[in-house]
Structures are given as structure tokens and as C-alpha cells.
Amino acid sequence: MHDDPPDRVTASGSPGRDRAPHAAVWPSWAPPPTGAPPIGAPTTRARAGIYGPPAYRASGGSGPAGQPARRSRLQPVGVSGLVLITTMTHAPLVMLWSIMPTTYQFSGVVATPLVFGIGGAALLVFAVAYGGLARRIRHSGGLYAFVTHGLGPTVGLGVATLAVLSYSVLLSGALVLLAGVLTSSVGSLLGIDLPVPISVVVAVVAVLVLGRLQLRTLSRIYLALAASQVLAVLWLDFGSATTPDGGQVSYDAIDPAWLLGGSFSLALCLALTSFMGSETGANYADELAEPRRTVPRATLISYAFSAVVLLISGWAISVATGPEKAVSIAQGSYESAIGGNGQPLLLAVVGRLVGPEHVTTVVHLLTAALALGALGTSASIHHSVARQIAALARDGILPPALAARRDGGTPIRAGWFAPLIAGPLAFLAVSVDNTAVALVVGILGGLGIVAALALTSLAAIVYFLRGAEEDETGFLGWEGHMVAAAFALVVTGFVFVYALIRLPSVLVVVAPAAGWLFPVCLGGAFGAGVVWALVLRTTRPEVLGRLGRSDPA
């Protein structure tokens, strides 16, 4: 299913190796666009955005028909702002509250914090390959644009549908958490019994409001949200590390020997899904000051920060509860405390850190920080999906009206797509009053992104083998990026396949349908995109040829 993509033109205008200098090669099945030079005719750097990856151009330039471009009020975002946005897609406190206890609960691995560190390290290697692509390909489609340049537009459109739907499903899980925390907070602070379905509606409205903000404004809001997360996590870490169970600090949670107990592979599957979101940096390429530098650096920092936080915080929590007791609490052995649900693990920790007279106050503060984290996670995912939808519209795959942006930044109409999918899913999850639904949609969305990362890694290998640039950028060069992509392909591919095989048997009690639900939903999403591409190849080949290659200007 490899489509021969157009000749690659680097940011400096040099072609890939083994290519005729400055020769644009349009796919044989797609007619050249109107006004294009004959196939094989020389092309210039100005045409790089049409016949290859869009070249990174300096600010300014001219608008249509040679007219001066309208001055945009868009303020570009730097590395720090993008790190905030990508990290908030998996806010630290949200991960400690939800994903880590779930991993303890189903895997039974005492060294679960170490598993999170290993998962983060693996994704750091993926970030090296991802950064190599981001330096050369500027397109707000992100993963699907990278896959298109490596594996062709047919697979690229399959990844586009898979990624958009997977992120939307992840958003529904974040909305469920936000709604639950909101209902709990309103009930405890105001004494009002707010139904959870109403809280879902409130959460969707809040996300839509944040979704209208420009990226720089959003990054400033995230600075406040991140501060609440950092304060809460630091308090938990310091308090837990200085209040060890049994009076002695234990390092079993980060001891590799304890990886042999329980299911390490299952723990790695669940842990890897907790990092999903750091790879969305490329979706903001059109709104960054220097995307070829900002995206790779922000992605590395985001993965590294999340891995370190989860490793240290997970270890600290295990110190407070006792490493083996952490597994017992998460699995529901202490029925009086958690009733079989692993999520209140942090509440058990709080009960050990403060006296009974202060537990209620501390829980209220942590709940507020958790609500802010869930809101930030929801808004970040929403912004990412909106830009992917707008990119597909700019490529001609979706109606052009969806490509409209406010001052060249935040999409106007594309922002409605994710809430229209995630809102009803979240409403269904809370209406049936079954925590298994929220668990399944979270895992389903995470596995979809893992599959997209695996295909992106494969695309990176093909991309660099097909023709590495002579003007190499970055510390590692194209060989290093290719090796990193190969390693990432092995890890993400293994996790995806193993999860499809193993998770249904693990979730059989809470979700008997998981055995067919995961492959049908994920395979259906990818397959729908592939079929869509095959139809476009027959009916509108020039549109398919433009996928992932439209000029951001």
C-alpha cells in the first residue's frame, strides 16, 4: 500500500539523495495540479510547499496574486509554551489518580513506577525519530502528515482517521473524570447534588470555551493550571517520602527485580498509554515561532518531564503505603477503603499523611487541583483534534469551511468535531453508571494512538531510507533518527499487538466485549480512512496527492 510520494525537498530546497536535482515527481496516478510545470521540469524552493514537504520560510511574504499578506495578530509560541500545552494532555495529577492505580490493579507489578520510567524512556527514543521528521516536514496534521510522506497518502489518511477518532475517545475519558470530580466538588463544598450527566454538559461547555482561545493565551492559562499540578504533586511526594510505611524507606518500587512479579508486559501497555499527547506538538506547527526547533525540543522535554514525575511520584506513593500494599490497595483488597476500585489509591495516601481533622480539607484541595488538571487535559486534546481537522480541510479532504482559523491561529469551525464525538460518549459512560465504560474508552483511545505511533515510526524508517538530506540537521543525523524509529517501531508495535491479545482476558470481568471491541473499533477507523483514500484516488486524485503537503501559508 505504498504510494510513491512526490520528491522530497528539504527546508533548504535540496532534494533527497538519489534524486535528480530539483526534480518534482508527482504520483503517476494523480494529475499535476493546475498551473504545475511538466513532470520532471525544474522547480524552485517557492514550489516546495506544493511538490514536497513545505519549506520553512521566514515570516512575512506576500499574499494571493502577489499582494502583500495581511498582517496577522497571531503571536507565535515558543518551546516553554508548547511544553505546557503538550504536557497538559496528560496532566501529572490526573495520571497519578487514574492511570497508575489502574496499572497496579490489573498488572500486579510492585515496580509499577519503574515501568512508567521505562515507558517514558522508550517514548523518548520515539521522540528522536519524531523530531527528525518535524525538522523536515511542517504540517499541522502531525502524525498523519509524517506517515503520508513515508508510506503514502493511502496509509496517511488511514492514520488521520485513526488518530482523530482515538484522540476524541481519549477526550471522552477526560470529560468523564472532569464531570465526576466536578460533581464531587459541588456536592462537598456547596451541598448541591449535581447529577453527573449535567456535569458532563458543563465540562463540554468549559472545553469549548477554552477551545476558542489563541495558543499564546491558552499557554498562559496552562501556566496557572500547571502550577496547581506541581504544588499538589510536590506535596504528595514530599509527604509520602518522609512518612514511610513501617518507618523505613523502601526502594522496591524502582527495583528491577520486582518487575518479575505480576505482568510486566501488561503494565507496559497501560503505562505507555499514559504518555499519549506529547506527540501533538506538530499539530501547532503553523503557530510556533521556529517550528523546526520548537517541536522536537518540546516533545523531548514533555516526554522526559512526564516520565520523571511519574517515576518519582509513584515511588514516593509506594513508600507511604508500602510497595506491596500499594498493589493490594489498588486491587481492592482493602474493601472498606476503596470498595474494589483502584482510583482512590491517592486518598489512602492522604489518610496516612494528615490527621483525621485535616483529611477533608486536603481532599478538597486535591480535588480542585485534579479538576483543573482534567480541564487542562480535555482542552489540550480538543485543541489538537481541532487542528488536525483543520489540516484535513486545508488538504482538501474535508470541506474547506473547516479550515478557517481566527487570525491564522485557532480553528473556528473544526473545534466542534471532537466534542460532538466525545460528549455523547462521556454522557453514555456516566449514564450507565459503570466505571468499566470509562476505563475501556480510555484504553481504546490510548491504543489507537499507540498504533499511530507505530505507523509513524515505520514511516520515519522509510522516509530516511528513501532519501536522507545532504544538509543534515540535528545532533544525530538521519542515521540516528532511523535507528530510533526502528527501536520505537519494535516497542510500540509489540505493545499494540500484545494489548489486543492480552487485555480482553484481563478486562473480561468488567468489559466482556473488549475482545472484539478493540480490534473492530481500531481496525474500522483505520480501514475507513484507507477506503476513503482509495475512493479519492479514483474520483479526486489531485486531492489525495495533496494530503499532508498543503502549504501552511
Foldseek 3Di string as FASTA:
>chain_A
DFFDFWFAAFLVRATFPPDDGQFTAFTPLADDDPPDDPHRDHDGLVCNLPRHANHDDAPWDDDPPRHGDDDFPFDADFQLLLLLLLLLLQQQLLCVQPLQLVLLQQFVFLLLLQLLLVLLVLVLLLLLLLLQQQLGHQFLLFLLLLLCLQRNLLLSLLLLLLQLLLLLLLLLLLLLLLLVLVQVLCCVPVVDRDASLVSSVVLLVLLVVLLQDFSVVNSVVSVVLNVLSVVLLVVLLVLLQCQFVVRDQDPSNNDVVSCPPGPSLSSNLSSNLSSPRLSSSSNQSQRHPNRSPSSSVSSSVSSVVSSVSSSSSVSSLCRNQPSSSLSCQSCCVVCVQPVRHNSCSVLVSLPSRDDPVCSVVSVSSSSVSNSSSSSSSSNSSLQSSLSSQLSLLLLVNDPVQSVDDDSLGRTDPSSVPSCVSSSVQSSVCVVVVAVLSSVLSSSLSSLSVLVSSLSSLSSSLSSLVVGFDPPFDDDPGSVSSNVSSVSSNVVSVVSNVVCLVPVCVSCCVRCVCSNPVNCCVSVVSSVVSSVSLVVCSVVPVSSSSSRSSRHSD
